[in-house]
């Protein structure tokens, strides 16, 4: 499934995050033509990735600010973006391409984390700002693109499929009995639960 993925490694073992990030991508690449892009900041132990079939935002990701301090990965698309682009161009923003990820990056530089309130569409994105030592994960108002997140012995992980998180050997794979009981009773998972303890579905908006 198309989406974004990434991790924040514990400070004690930041160096092995790059390999785990690539492993996560391989586990979710169901076809040879899947596009998988990754970036890993070894100093901070933070990694971002994007996986998809290359229809939306085919440009290589994560996109980066000119000084490399901000990296952004995105899956999906924005609607009604022409006015936003014109507004940013009037303020001096220079767009390198017409991709939505580039627009998201420029909006973040202009408005900060609240920029997500200004966009509409079907999307999920993850942004790493080294200068603020902050990672931002956001999705659209309806959560049309799923994203799961979890904490493990190795740190924090997120991915569009459970198998992306389960690729981490440090994650303890325990069945969520409450979720299983609810599924048997209602034939669906309720709320943000998954079949695994410790893995949570990111809510919409």
C-alpha atoms as a PDB file:
ATOM      1  CA  UNK A   1       0.000   0.000   0.000  1.00  0.00           C
ATOM      2  CA  UNK A   2       1.225   3.495  -0.817  1.00  0.00           C
ATOM      3  CA  UNK A   3       2.207   5.658   2.116  1.00  0.00           C
ATOM      4  CA  UNK A   4       5.016   7.008   4.244  1.00  0.00           C
ATOM      5  CA  UNK A   5       7.078   5.220   6.841  1.00  0.00           C
ATOM      6  CA  UNK A   6       9.903   5.954   9.197  1.00  0.00           C
ATOM      7  CA  UNK A   7      11.506   5.580  12.580  1.00  0.00           C
ATOM      8  CA  UNK A   8      13.178   7.312  15.472  1.00  0.00           C
ATOM      9  CA  UNK A   9      15.912   5.163  16.959  1.00  0.00           C
ATOM     10  CA  UNK A  10      16.965   5.179  20.589  1.00  0.00           C
ATOM     11  CA  UNK A  11      20.036   7.302  21.185  1.00  0.00           C
ATOM     12  CA  UNK A  12      22.033   4.249  22.287  1.00  0.00           C
ATOM     13  CA  UNK A  13      21.834   2.561  18.875  1.00  0.00           C
ATOM     14  CA  UNK A  14      21.127   5.157  16.196  1.00  0.00           C
ATOM     15  CA  UNK A  15      23.457   3.670  13.594  1.00  0.00           C
ATOM     16  CA  UNK A  16      21.408   0.551  12.759  1.00  0.00           C
ATOM     17  CA  UNK A  17      18.329   2.617  11.847  1.00  0.00           C
ATOM     18  CA  UNK A  18      19.289   2.945   8.198  1.00  0.00           C
ATOM     19  CA  UNK A  19      19.252  -0.792   7.619  1.00  0.00           C
ATOM     20  CA  UNK A  20      15.970  -1.212   9.495  1.00  0.00           C
ATOM     21  CA  UNK A  21      14.433   1.571   7.385  1.00  0.00           C
ATOM     22  CA  UNK A  22      15.432  -0.204   4.179  1.00  0.00           C
ATOM     23  CA  UNK A  23      14.110  -3.506   5.567  1.00  0.00           C
ATOM     24  CA  UNK A  24      10.761  -1.879   6.299  1.00  0.00           C
ATOM     25  CA  UNK A  25      10.584  -0.697   2.699  1.00  0.00           C
ATOM     26  CA  UNK A  26      11.407  -4.136   1.312  1.00  0.00           C
ATOM     27  CA  UNK A  27       8.703  -5.782   3.428  1.00  0.00           C
ATOM     28  CA  UNK A  28       6.058  -3.441   2.005  1.00  0.00           C
ATOM     29  CA  UNK A  29       7.159  -3.453  -1.637  1.00  0.00           C
ATOM     30  CA  UNK A  30       4.669  -5.941  -3.087  1.00  0.00           C
ATOM     31  CA  UNK A  31       5.670  -5.521  -6.739  1.00  0.00           C
ATOM     32  CA  UNK A  32       9.000  -4.889  -8.503  1.00  0.00           C
ATOM     33  CA  UNK A  33       7.752  -1.548  -9.819  1.00  0.00           C
ATOM     34  CA  UNK A  34       6.987  -0.137  -6.371  1.00  0.00           C
ATOM     35  CA  UNK A  35       8.882   3.077  -5.759  1.00  0.00           C
ATOM     36  CA  UNK A  36      10.700   3.099  -2.404  1.00  0.00           C
ATOM     37  CA  UNK A  37      12.671   6.169  -1.288  1.00  0.00           C
ATOM     38  CA  UNK A  38      14.406   6.532   2.071  1.00  0.00           C
ATOM     39  CA  UNK A  39      16.498   9.019   4.008  1.00  0.00           C
ATOM     40  CA  UNK A  40      18.258   8.394   7.318  1.00  0.00           C
ATOM     41  CA  UNK A  41      19.832  11.066   9.513  1.00  0.00           C
ATOM     42  CA  UNK A  42      22.569   9.097  11.265  1.00  0.00           C
ATOM     43  CA  UNK A  43      23.381  11.837  13.756  1.00  0.00           C
ATOM     44  CA  UNK A  44      19.783  12.104  14.987  1.00  0.00           C
ATOM     45  CA  UNK A  45      18.752   8.489  14.402  1.00  0.00           C
ATOM     46  CA  UNK A  46      15.691   9.591  12.413  1.00  0.00           C
ATOM     47  CA  UNK A  47      14.584   8.042   9.143  1.00  0.00           C
ATOM     48  CA  UNK A  48      11.835   8.801   6.626  1.00  0.00           C
ATOM     49  CA  UNK A  49      10.593   6.827   3.655  1.00  0.00           C
ATOM     50  CA  UNK A  50       7.936   6.854   0.963  1.00  0.00           C
ATOM     51  CA  UNK A  51       6.519   3.835  -0.817  1.00  0.00           C
ATOM     52  CA  UNK A  52       4.101   3.831  -3.732  1.00  0.00           C
ATOM     53  CA  UNK A  53       3.444   3.043  -7.370  1.00  0.00           C
ATOM     54  CA  UNK A  54       4.592   6.448  -8.601  1.00  0.00           C
ATOM     55  CA  UNK A  55       1.269   7.862  -9.834  1.00  0.00           C
ATOM     56  CA  UNK A  56       1.060  10.759  -7.393  1.00  0.00           C
ATOM     57  CA  UNK A  57       4.221  12.698  -6.560  1.00  0.00           C
ATOM     58  CA  UNK A  58       6.575  10.605  -8.718  1.00  0.00           C
ATOM     59  CA  UNK A  59       9.496  12.876  -7.810  1.00  0.00           C
ATOM     60  CA  UNK A  60      12.169  11.366  -5.601  1.00  0.00           C
ATOM     61  CA  UNK A  61      11.538  11.809  -1.890  1.00  0.00           C
ATOM     62  CA  UNK A  62      11.941  12.891   0.822  1.00  0.00           C
ATOM     63  CA  UNK A  63      12.174  16.435  -0.501  1.00  0.00           C
ATOM     64  CA  UNK A  64      14.637  18.651   1.353  1.00  0.00           C
ATOM     65  CA  UNK A  65      15.069  22.306   2.208  1.00  0.00           C
ATOM     66  CA  UNK A  66      18.015  24.069   0.640  1.00  0.00           C
ATOM     67  CA  UNK A  67      20.170  23.592   3.746  1.00  0.00           C
ATOM     68  CA  UNK A  68      19.036  19.988   4.250  1.00  0.00           C
ATOM     69  CA  UNK A  69      17.678  20.634   7.739  1.00  0.00           C
ATOM     70  CA  UNK A  70      14.080  19.768   6.765  1.00  0.00           C
ATOM     71  CA  UNK A  71      13.041  16.535   5.043  1.00  0.00           C
ATOM     72  CA  UNK A  72       9.490  15.683   4.022  1.00  0.00           C
ATOM     73  CA  UNK A  73       7.946  12.502   2.637  1.00  0.00           C
ATOM     74  CA  UNK A  74       4.388  12.468   1.353  1.00  0.00           C
ATOM     75  CA  UNK A  75       1.914  10.092  -0.257  1.00  0.00           C
ATOM     76  CA  UNK A  76      -1.281  11.297  -1.924  1.00  0.00           C
ATOM     77  CA  UNK A  77      -2.341  14.643  -3.297  1.00  0.00           C
ATOM     78  CA  UNK A  78      -3.608  18.095  -2.361  1.00  0.00           C
ATOM     79  CA  UNK A  79      -6.709  19.671  -3.882  1.00  0.00           C
ATOM     80  CA  UNK A  80      -7.209  23.343  -4.820  1.00  0.00           C
ATOM     81  CA  UNK A  81      -3.539  24.202  -4.473  1.00  0.00           C
ATOM     82  CA  UNK A  82      -3.131  26.926  -7.119  1.00  0.00           C
ATOM     83  CA  UNK A  83      -3.991  29.772  -4.733  1.00  0.00           C
ATOM     84  CA  UNK A  84      -1.592  28.452  -2.105  1.00  0.00           C
ATOM     85  CA  UNK A  85       1.240  28.333  -4.627  1.00  0.00           C
ATOM     86  CA  UNK A  86       0.568  31.870  -5.819  1.00  0.00           C
ATOM     87  CA  UNK A  87       0.479  33.149  -2.242  1.00  0.00           C
ATOM     88  CA  UNK A  88       3.822  31.540  -1.434  1.00  0.00           C
ATOM     89  CA  UNK A  89       5.411  32.749  -4.672  1.00  0.00           C
ATOM     90  CA  UNK A  90       4.404  36.320  -3.807  1.00  0.00           C
ATOM     91  CA  UNK A  91       6.240  35.868  -0.512  1.00  0.00           C
ATOM     92  CA  UNK A  92       9.366  34.754  -2.333  1.00  0.00           C
ATOM     93  CA  UNK A  93       9.120  30.956  -2.227  1.00  0.00           C
ATOM     94  CA  UNK A  94      10.858  29.272  -5.154  1.00  0.00           C
ATOM     95  CA  UNK A  95       9.333  26.002  -6.293  1.00  0.00           C
ATOM     96  CA  UNK A  96      11.676  23.449  -7.820  1.00  0.00           C
ATOM     97  CA  UNK A  97       8.843  21.317  -9.208  1.00  0.00           C
ATOM     98  CA  UNK A  98       5.043  21.075  -9.296  1.00  0.00           C
ATOM     99  CA  UNK A  99       4.808  18.211  -6.783  1.00  0.00           C
ATOM    100  CA  UNK A 100       2.616  18.286  -3.703  1.00  0.00           C
ATOM    101  CA  UNK A 101       5.521  17.324  -1.445  1.00  0.00           C
ATOM    102  CA  UNK A 102       7.381  20.441  -2.541  1.00  0.00           C
ATOM    103  CA  UNK A 103       4.286  22.534  -1.785  1.00  0.00           C
ATOM    104  CA  UNK A 104       4.005  20.972   1.678  1.00  0.00           C
ATOM    105  CA  UNK A 105       7.652  21.770   2.372  1.00  0.00           C
ATOM    106  CA  UNK A 106       7.241  25.431   1.364  1.00  0.00           C
ATOM    107  CA  UNK A 107       4.049  25.741   3.401  1.00  0.00           C
ATOM    108  CA  UNK A 108       5.840  24.377   6.459  1.00  0.00           C
ATOM    109  CA  UNK A 109       8.682  26.854   5.992  1.00  0.00           C
ATOM    110  CA  UNK A 110       6.140  29.680   5.776  1.00  0.00           C
ATOM    111  CA  UNK A 111       3.598  28.676   8.441  1.00  0.00           C
ATOM    112  CA  UNK A 112       5.206  26.062  10.625  1.00  0.00           C
ATOM    113  CA  UNK A 113       3.379  22.917  11.808  1.00  0.00           C
ATOM    114  CA  UNK A 114      -0.028  24.584  11.467  1.00  0.00           C
ATOM    115  CA  UNK A 115       0.306  24.529   7.673  1.00  0.00           C
ATOM    116  CA  UNK A 116      -1.698  21.292   7.559  1.00  0.00           C
ATOM    117  CA  UNK A 117      -4.820  23.276   8.453  1.00  0.00           C
ATOM    118  CA  UNK A 118      -4.567  25.050   5.102  1.00  0.00           C
ATOM    119  CA  UNK A 119      -4.532  22.008   2.819  1.00  0.00           C
ATOM    120  CA  UNK A 120      -7.255  19.697   1.575  1.00  0.00           C
ATOM    121  CA  UNK A 121      -6.817  16.366  -0.132  1.00  0.00           C
ATOM    122  CA  UNK A 122      -6.133  12.687   0.363  1.00  0.00           C
ATOM    123  CA  UNK A 123      -2.672  12.446   1.872  1.00  0.00           C
ATOM    124  CA  UNK A 124      -0.355  11.396   4.641  1.00  0.00           C
ATOM    125  CA  UNK A 125       3.009  13.027   5.273  1.00  0.00           C
ATOM    126  CA  UNK A 126       5.960  12.892   7.624  1.00  0.00           C
ATOM    127  CA  UNK A 127       8.415  15.726   8.181  1.00  0.00           C
ATOM    128  CA  UNK A 128      11.719  15.835  10.058  1.00  0.00           C
ATOM    129  CA  UNK A 129      12.992  19.248  11.168  1.00  0.00           C
ATOM    130  CA  UNK A 130      16.518  18.862  12.504  1.00  0.00           C
ATOM    131  CA  UNK A 131      16.745  22.487  13.686  1.00  0.00           C
ATOM    132  CA  UNK A 132      13.706  21.982  15.947  1.00  0.00           C
ATOM    133  CA  UNK A 133      14.557  18.348  16.715  1.00  0.00           C
ATOM    134  CA  UNK A 134      10.973  17.556  15.808  1.00  0.00           C
ATOM    135  CA  UNK A 135       9.132  15.071  13.638  1.00  0.00           C
ATOM    136  CA  UNK A 136       5.636  15.859  12.338  1.00  0.00           C
ATOM    137  CA  UNK A 137       3.181  13.242  11.053  1.00  0.00           C
ATOM    138  CA  UNK A 138      -0.157  14.352   9.573  1.00  0.00           C
ATOM    139  CA  UNK A 139      -2.980  12.972   7.459  1.00  0.00           C
ATOM    140  CA  UNK A 140      -6.136  14.285   5.819  1.00  0.00           C
ATOM    141  CA  UNK A 141      -9.449  14.950   7.535  1.00  0.00           C
ATOM    142  CA  UNK A 142     -10.832  11.499   6.737  1.00  0.00           C
ATOM    143  CA  UNK A 143      -7.701   9.411   7.214  1.00  0.00           C
ATOM    144  CA  UNK A 144      -7.997   8.020   3.687  1.00  0.00           C
ATOM    145  CA  UNK A 145      -4.419   6.744   3.763  1.00  0.00           C
ATOM    146  CA  UNK A 146      -3.843   4.550   6.823  1.00  0.00           C
ATOM    147  CA  UNK A 147      -0.771   4.894   8.971  1.00  0.00           C
ATOM    148  CA  UNK A 148       0.165   2.746  11.962  1.00  0.00           C
ATOM    149  CA  UNK A 149       2.620   3.636  14.694  1.00  0.00           C
ATOM    150  CA  UNK A 150       4.274   1.828  17.570  1.00  0.00           C
ATOM    151  CA  UNK A 151       6.983   2.037  20.162  1.00  0.00           C
ATOM    152  CA  UNK A 152       9.495  -0.759  20.552  1.00  0.00           C
ATOM    153  CA  UNK A 153      12.741  -1.397  22.381  1.00  0.00           C
ATOM    154  CA  UNK A 154      14.494   0.184  19.448  1.00  0.00           C
ATOM    155  CA  UNK A 155      12.448   3.398  19.358  1.00  0.00           C
ATOM    156  CA  UNK A 156       9.399   4.716  17.503  1.00  0.00           C
ATOM    157  CA  UNK A 157       8.162   3.374  14.148  1.00  0.00           C
ATOM    158  CA  UNK A 158       5.380   4.210  11.701  1.00  0.00           C
ATOM    159  CA  UNK A 159       4.233   2.648   8.438  1.00  0.00           C
ATOM    160  CA  UNK A 160       1.189   2.285   6.148  1.00  0.00           C
ATOM    161  CA  UNK A 161       1.096  -1.475   6.778  1.00  0.00           C
ATOM    162  CA  UNK A 162       1.523  -3.548   9.923  1.00  0.00           C
ATOM    163  CA  UNK A 163       4.277  -5.564   8.264  1.00  0.00           C
ATOM    164  CA  UNK A 164       6.405  -2.426   8.103  1.00  0.00           C
ATOM    165  CA  UNK A 165       6.454  -2.241  11.897  1.00  0.00           C
ATOM    166  CA  UNK A 166       6.705  -6.006  12.325  1.00  0.00           C
ATOM    167  CA  UNK A 167       9.945  -5.868  10.318  1.00  0.00           C
ATOM    168  CA  UNK A 168      11.618  -4.533  13.469  1.00  0.00           C
ATOM    169  CA  UNK A 169      13.084  -7.510  15.349  1.00  0.00           C
ATOM    170  CA  UNK A 170      12.868  -5.495  18.556  1.00  0.00           C
ATOM    171  CA  UNK A 171       9.094  -5.230  18.408  1.00  0.00           C
ATOM    172  CA  UNK A 172       7.281  -7.708  20.657  1.00  0.00           C
ATOM    173  CA  UNK A 173       4.534  -9.406  18.633  1.00  0.00           C
ATOM    174  CA  UNK A 174       1.658  -9.907  21.072  1.00  0.00           C
ATOM    175  CA  UNK A 175      -1.939 -10.515  20.024  1.00  0.00           C
ATOM    176  CA  UNK A 176      -4.392  -7.838  21.137  1.00  0.00           C
ATOM    177  CA  UNK A 177      -7.108 -10.003  22.688  1.00  0.00           C
ATOM    178  CA  UNK A 178      -9.519  -7.072  23.096  1.00  0.00           C
ATOM    179  CA  UNK A 179      -9.273  -6.231  19.415  1.00  0.00           C
ATOM    180  CA  UNK A 180      -9.743  -9.902  18.514  1.00  0.00           C
ATOM    181  CA  UNK A 181     -12.890 -10.164  20.669  1.00  0.00           C
ATOM    182  CA  UNK A 182     -14.342  -7.000  19.133  1.00  0.00           C
ATOM    183  CA  UNK A 183     -13.599  -8.280  15.636  1.00  0.00           C
ATOM    184  CA  UNK A 184     -15.360 -11.596  16.332  1.00  0.00           C
ATOM    185  CA  UNK A 185     -18.374  -9.717  17.718  1.00  0.00           C
ATOM    186  CA  UNK A 186     -18.628  -6.804  15.258  1.00  0.00           C
ATOM    187  CA  UNK A 187     -16.676  -8.106  12.219  1.00  0.00           C
ATOM    188  CA  UNK A 188     -14.451  -5.051  12.300  1.00  0.00           C
ATOM    189  CA  UNK A 189     -11.782  -3.412  14.418  1.00  0.00           C
ATOM    190  CA  UNK A 190     -13.042  -0.538  16.541  1.00  0.00           C
ATOM    191  CA  UNK A 191     -11.367   2.809  17.049  1.00  0.00           C
ATOM    192  CA  UNK A 192      -7.605   2.895  16.630  1.00  0.00           C
ATOM    193  CA  UNK A 193      -6.976  -0.733  17.651  1.00  0.00           C
ATOM    194  CA  UNK A 194      -5.065  -3.321  15.638  1.00  0.00           C
ATOM    195  CA  UNK A 195      -4.564  -7.049  16.125  1.00  0.00           C
ATOM    196  CA  UNK A 196      -1.208  -6.359  17.807  1.00  0.00           C
ATOM    197  CA  UNK A 197      -0.648  -4.836  21.218  1.00  0.00           C
ATOM    198  CA  UNK A 198       1.377  -1.655  20.910  1.00  0.00           C
ATOM    199  CA  UNK A 199       0.445  -0.875  17.295  1.00  0.00           C
ATOM    200  CA  UNK A 200      -2.087   1.936  16.912  1.00  0.00           C
ATOM    201  CA  UNK A 201      -3.876   3.365  13.878  1.00  0.00           C
ATOM    202  CA  UNK A 202      -3.355   7.100  13.404  1.00  0.00           C
ATOM    203  CA  UNK A 203      -6.794   8.779  13.671  1.00  0.00           C
ATOM    204  CA  UNK A 204      -8.067  11.088  10.900  1.00  0.00           C
ATOM    205  CA  UNK A 205      -7.025  14.751  10.862  1.00  0.00           C
END
